[in-house]
Amino acid sequence: MLFKIGPEAIPLVSSITGLAEDEICRHLYKIDVADCPGFLLRMALLRAIKTSDKKYAPSDWVDVNHIVYAPYVDIFYSDKRTLDFLEKETRAKSFRLEKSLIANISRNVPLEDAIMDISGPV
C-alpha cells in the first residue's frame, strides 16, 4: 500500500524535507504497515468495498481517505455504510481487523448529539 503511494509522495516529501529521494526510499522499506493503524483501517475499508456485493458509491473513496485519521482522534463519525464495511472486516476470516481500531467510530448523528459526545453533558 505504501509502495503504491510512494512514487507520488517521495518527490513531495523530498522537496519539503530536503532529504534525497533515495534516502526516503530506504526509510519507506523499513515501515511496517502493521504499526500504522490509520493505514490498516484504510486497507481494511478498501478490501471490504472491493469484496462487497454492493456497488461502490463515489463517497466511498472520500471515506477511504478520511478513515486514516480515526485512530488518532477520540471520536470519529462515519456514515453507516463505512462502519458496516469496517465491522465486516472485524469478522473476516482471511484478515481480521482488531475491533479496538474501530471502537471510537460512530455513525453520523444529529449535530446536537455530536456536540454532546464531544463535550459531555452540560
C-alpha atoms as a PDB file:
ATOM      1  CA  MET A   1       0.000   0.000   0.000  1.00  0.00           C
ATOM      2  CA  LEU A   2       2.743   2.441   0.920  1.00  0.00           C
ATOM      3  CA  PHE A   3       4.582   1.408  -2.209  1.00  0.00           C
ATOM      4  CA  LYS A   4       1.624   2.425  -4.340  1.00  0.00           C
ATOM      5  CA  ILE A   5       1.583   5.964  -2.950  1.00  0.00           C
ATOM      6  CA  GLY A   6       5.368   6.174  -2.634  1.00  0.00           C
ATOM      7  CA  PRO A   7       6.128   7.199  -6.231  1.00  0.00           C
ATOM      8  CA  GLU A   8       3.794  10.173  -5.885  1.00  0.00           C
ATOM      9  CA  ALA A   9       4.728  11.087  -2.335  1.00  0.00           C
ATOM     10  CA  ILE A  10       8.508  10.677  -2.431  1.00  0.00           C
ATOM     11  CA  PRO A  11       9.264  13.750  -4.592  1.00  0.00           C
ATOM     12  CA  LEU A  12       6.893  15.845  -2.463  1.00  0.00           C
ATOM     13  CA  VAL A  13       8.451  14.653   0.807  1.00  0.00           C
ATOM     14  CA  SER A  14      11.897  15.284  -0.670  1.00  0.00           C
ATOM     15  CA  SER A  15      11.009  18.849  -1.633  1.00  0.00           C
ATOM     16  CA  ILE A  16       9.534  19.573   1.808  1.00  0.00           C
ATOM     17  CA  THR A  17      12.248  17.940   3.918  1.00  0.00           C
ATOM     18  CA  GLY A  18      15.289  18.455   1.712  1.00  0.00           C
ATOM     19  CA  LEU A  19      16.125  14.740   2.029  1.00  0.00           C
ATOM     20  CA  ALA A  20      17.309  12.904  -1.064  1.00  0.00           C
ATOM     21  CA  GLU A  21      14.702  10.668  -2.684  1.00  0.00           C
ATOM     22  CA  ASP A  22      16.854   7.546  -2.311  1.00  0.00           C
ATOM     23  CA  GLU A  23      17.183   8.219   1.417  1.00  0.00           C
ATOM     24  CA  ILE A  24      13.397   8.500   1.717  1.00  0.00           C
ATOM     25  CA  CYS A  25      13.059   5.191  -0.168  1.00  0.00           C
ATOM     26  CA  ARG A  26      15.386   3.471   2.293  1.00  0.00           C
ATOM     27  CA  HIS A  27      13.157   4.602   5.154  1.00  0.00           C
ATOM     28  CA  LEU A  28       9.992   3.619   3.313  1.00  0.00           C
ATOM     29  CA  TYR A  29      11.101  -0.006   3.156  1.00  0.00           C
ATOM     30  CA  LYS A  30      11.542  -0.042   6.947  1.00  0.00           C
ATOM     31  CA  ILE A  31       7.925   0.894   7.613  1.00  0.00           C
ATOM     32  CA  ASP A  32       5.781  -1.930   8.940  1.00  0.00           C
ATOM     33  CA  VAL A  33       2.192  -1.209   7.939  1.00  0.00           C
ATOM     34  CA  ALA A  34       1.044  -3.182  10.999  1.00  0.00           C
ATOM     35  CA  ASP A  35       2.448  -0.301  13.063  1.00  0.00           C
ATOM     36  CA  CYS A  36       0.294   2.210  11.147  1.00  0.00           C
ATOM     37  CA  PRO A  37      -3.296   1.881  12.412  1.00  0.00           C
ATOM     38  CA  GLY A  38      -4.614   4.513  10.010  1.00  0.00           C
ATOM     39  CA  PHE A  39      -3.273   2.602   7.013  1.00  0.00           C
ATOM     40  CA  LEU A  40      -4.647  -0.670   8.422  1.00  0.00           C
ATOM     41  CA  LEU A  41      -8.106   0.895   8.559  1.00  0.00           C
ATOM     42  CA  ARG A  42      -7.733   2.257   5.039  1.00  0.00           C
ATOM     43  CA  MET A  43      -6.666  -1.128   3.666  1.00  0.00           C
ATOM     44  CA  ALA A  44      -9.498  -2.887   5.511  1.00  0.00           C
ATOM     45  CA  LEU A  45     -12.062  -0.440   4.163  1.00  0.00           C
ATOM     46  CA  LEU A  46     -10.742  -0.770   0.608  1.00  0.00           C
ATOM     47  CA  ARG A  47     -10.807  -4.552   0.884  1.00  0.00           C
ATOM     48  CA  ALA A  48     -14.377  -4.516   2.212  1.00  0.00           C
ATOM     49  CA  ILE A  49     -15.540  -2.206  -0.575  1.00  0.00           C
ATOM     50  CA  LYS A  50     -13.872  -4.306  -3.271  1.00  0.00           C
ATOM     51  CA  THR A  51     -15.269  -7.603  -1.976  1.00  0.00           C
ATOM     52  CA  SER A  52     -18.760  -6.305  -1.305  1.00  0.00           C
ATOM     53  CA  ASP A  53     -21.805  -7.197  -3.351  1.00  0.00           C
ATOM     54  CA  LYS A  54     -22.871  -3.579  -3.003  1.00  0.00           C
ATOM     55  CA  LYS A  55     -21.912  -1.242  -5.814  1.00  0.00           C
ATOM     56  CA  TYR A  56     -19.394   1.291  -4.606  1.00  0.00           C
ATOM     57  CA  ALA A  57     -20.518   4.865  -4.169  1.00  0.00           C
ATOM     58  CA  PRO A  58     -18.323   7.831  -5.123  1.00  0.00           C
ATOM     59  CA  SER A  59     -18.403   8.938  -1.485  1.00  0.00           C
ATOM     60  CA  ASP A  60     -16.721   5.650  -0.507  1.00  0.00           C
ATOM     61  CA  TRP A  61     -13.427   6.952  -1.877  1.00  0.00           C
ATOM     62  CA  VAL A  62     -13.666  10.077   0.271  1.00  0.00           C
ATOM     63  CA  ASP A  63     -14.325   7.834   3.291  1.00  0.00           C
ATOM     64  CA  VAL A  64     -11.300   5.680   2.420  1.00  0.00           C
ATOM     65  CA  ASN A  65      -9.053   8.729   2.537  1.00  0.00           C
ATOM     66  CA  HIS A  66     -10.532  10.117   5.750  1.00  0.00           C
ATOM     67  CA  ILE A  67     -10.605   6.862   7.730  1.00  0.00           C
ATOM     68  CA  VAL A  68      -6.825   7.043   8.228  1.00  0.00           C
ATOM     69  CA  TYR A  69      -7.433   9.720  10.888  1.00  0.00           C
ATOM     70  CA  ALA A  70      -9.817   7.623  13.031  1.00  0.00           C
ATOM     71  CA  PRO A  71      -7.161   6.017  15.274  1.00  0.00           C
ATOM     72  CA  TYR A  72      -5.757   9.416  16.196  1.00  0.00           C
ATOM     73  CA  VAL A  73      -8.889  11.134  17.496  1.00  0.00           C
ATOM     74  CA  ASP A  74     -11.241  10.470  20.410  1.00  0.00           C
ATOM     75  CA  ILE A  75     -14.414  10.320  18.317  1.00  0.00           C
ATOM     76  CA  PHE A  76     -14.708   9.720  14.585  1.00  0.00           C
ATOM     77  CA  TYR A  77     -18.022   9.874  12.753  1.00  0.00           C
ATOM     78  CA  SER A  78     -18.686   7.911   9.595  1.00  0.00           C
ATOM     79  CA  ASP A  79     -21.713   7.001   7.553  1.00  0.00           C
ATOM     80  CA  LYS A  80     -23.487   3.703   8.203  1.00  0.00           C
ATOM     81  CA  ARG A  81     -22.044   2.113   5.072  1.00  0.00           C
ATOM     82  CA  THR A  82     -18.431   2.782   6.081  1.00  0.00           C
ATOM     83  CA  LEU A  83     -18.921   1.490   9.616  1.00  0.00           C
ATOM     84  CA  ASP A  84     -20.708  -1.599   8.272  1.00  0.00           C
ATOM     85  CA  PHE A  85     -17.766  -2.287   5.947  1.00  0.00           C
ATOM     86  CA  LEU A  86     -15.283  -1.974   8.823  1.00  0.00           C
ATOM     87  CA  GLU A  87     -17.385  -4.144  11.131  1.00  0.00           C
ATOM     88  CA  LYS A  88     -17.409  -6.763   8.367  1.00  0.00           C
ATOM     89  CA  GLU A  89     -13.609  -6.685   8.383  1.00  0.00           C
ATOM     90  CA  THR A  90     -13.539  -7.422  12.132  1.00  0.00           C
ATOM     91  CA  ARG A  91     -15.364 -10.681  11.328  1.00  0.00           C
ATOM     92  CA  ALA A  92     -13.404 -11.614   8.179  1.00  0.00           C
ATOM     93  CA  LYS A  93     -11.642 -14.966   8.295  1.00  0.00           C
ATOM     94  CA  SER A  94      -8.757 -14.172   5.963  1.00  0.00           C
ATOM     95  CA  PHE A  95      -7.944 -10.848   7.598  1.00  0.00           C
ATOM     96  CA  ARG A  96      -9.307  -9.799  10.923  1.00  0.00           C
ATOM     97  CA  LEU A  97      -9.263  -6.115  11.786  1.00  0.00           C
ATOM     98  CA  GLU A  98      -8.978  -5.602  15.545  1.00  0.00           C
ATOM     99  CA  LYS A  99     -12.248  -4.289  16.976  1.00  0.00           C
ATOM    100  CA  SER A 100     -10.280  -1.822  19.088  1.00  0.00           C
ATOM    101  CA  LEU A 101      -9.323   0.058  15.888  1.00  0.00           C
ATOM    102  CA  ILE A 102     -12.954   0.929  15.215  1.00  0.00           C
ATOM    103  CA  ALA A 103     -14.105   1.372  18.826  1.00  0.00           C
ATOM    104  CA  ASN A 104     -14.148   5.173  18.559  1.00  0.00           C
ATOM    105  CA  ILE A 105     -16.020   5.244  15.234  1.00  0.00           C
ATOM    106  CA  SER A 106     -19.684   6.196  15.460  1.00  0.00           C
ATOM    107  CA  ARG A 107     -22.345   6.577  12.848  1.00  0.00           C
ATOM    108  CA  ASN A 108     -23.267  10.097  11.846  1.00  0.00           C
ATOM    109  CA  VAL A 109     -25.649  11.671  14.308  1.00  0.00           C
ATOM    110  CA  PRO A 110     -27.508  14.981  14.527  1.00  0.00           C
ATOM    111  CA  LEU A 111     -25.204  17.898  15.313  1.00  0.00           C
ATOM    112  CA  GLU A 112     -26.612  18.331  18.832  1.00  0.00           C
ATOM    113  CA  ASP A 113     -25.763  14.705  19.644  1.00  0.00           C
ATOM    114  CA  ALA A 114     -22.257  15.090  18.237  1.00  0.00           C
ATOM    115  CA  ILE A 115     -21.692  18.151  20.436  1.00  0.00           C
ATOM    116  CA  MET A 116     -22.833  16.140  23.458  1.00  0.00           C
ATOM    117  CA  ASP A 117     -20.435  13.318  22.517  1.00  0.00           C
ATOM    118  CA  ILE A 118     -17.548  15.730  22.278  1.00  0.00           C
ATOM    119  CA  SER A 119     -18.254  17.992  25.243  1.00  0.00           C
ATOM    120  CA  GLY A 120     -20.120  15.648  27.585  1.00  0.00           C
ATOM    121  CA  PRO A 121     -23.261  16.555  29.491  1.00  0.00           C
ATOM    122  CA  VAL A 122     -23.734  20.238  30.157  1.00  0.00           C
END
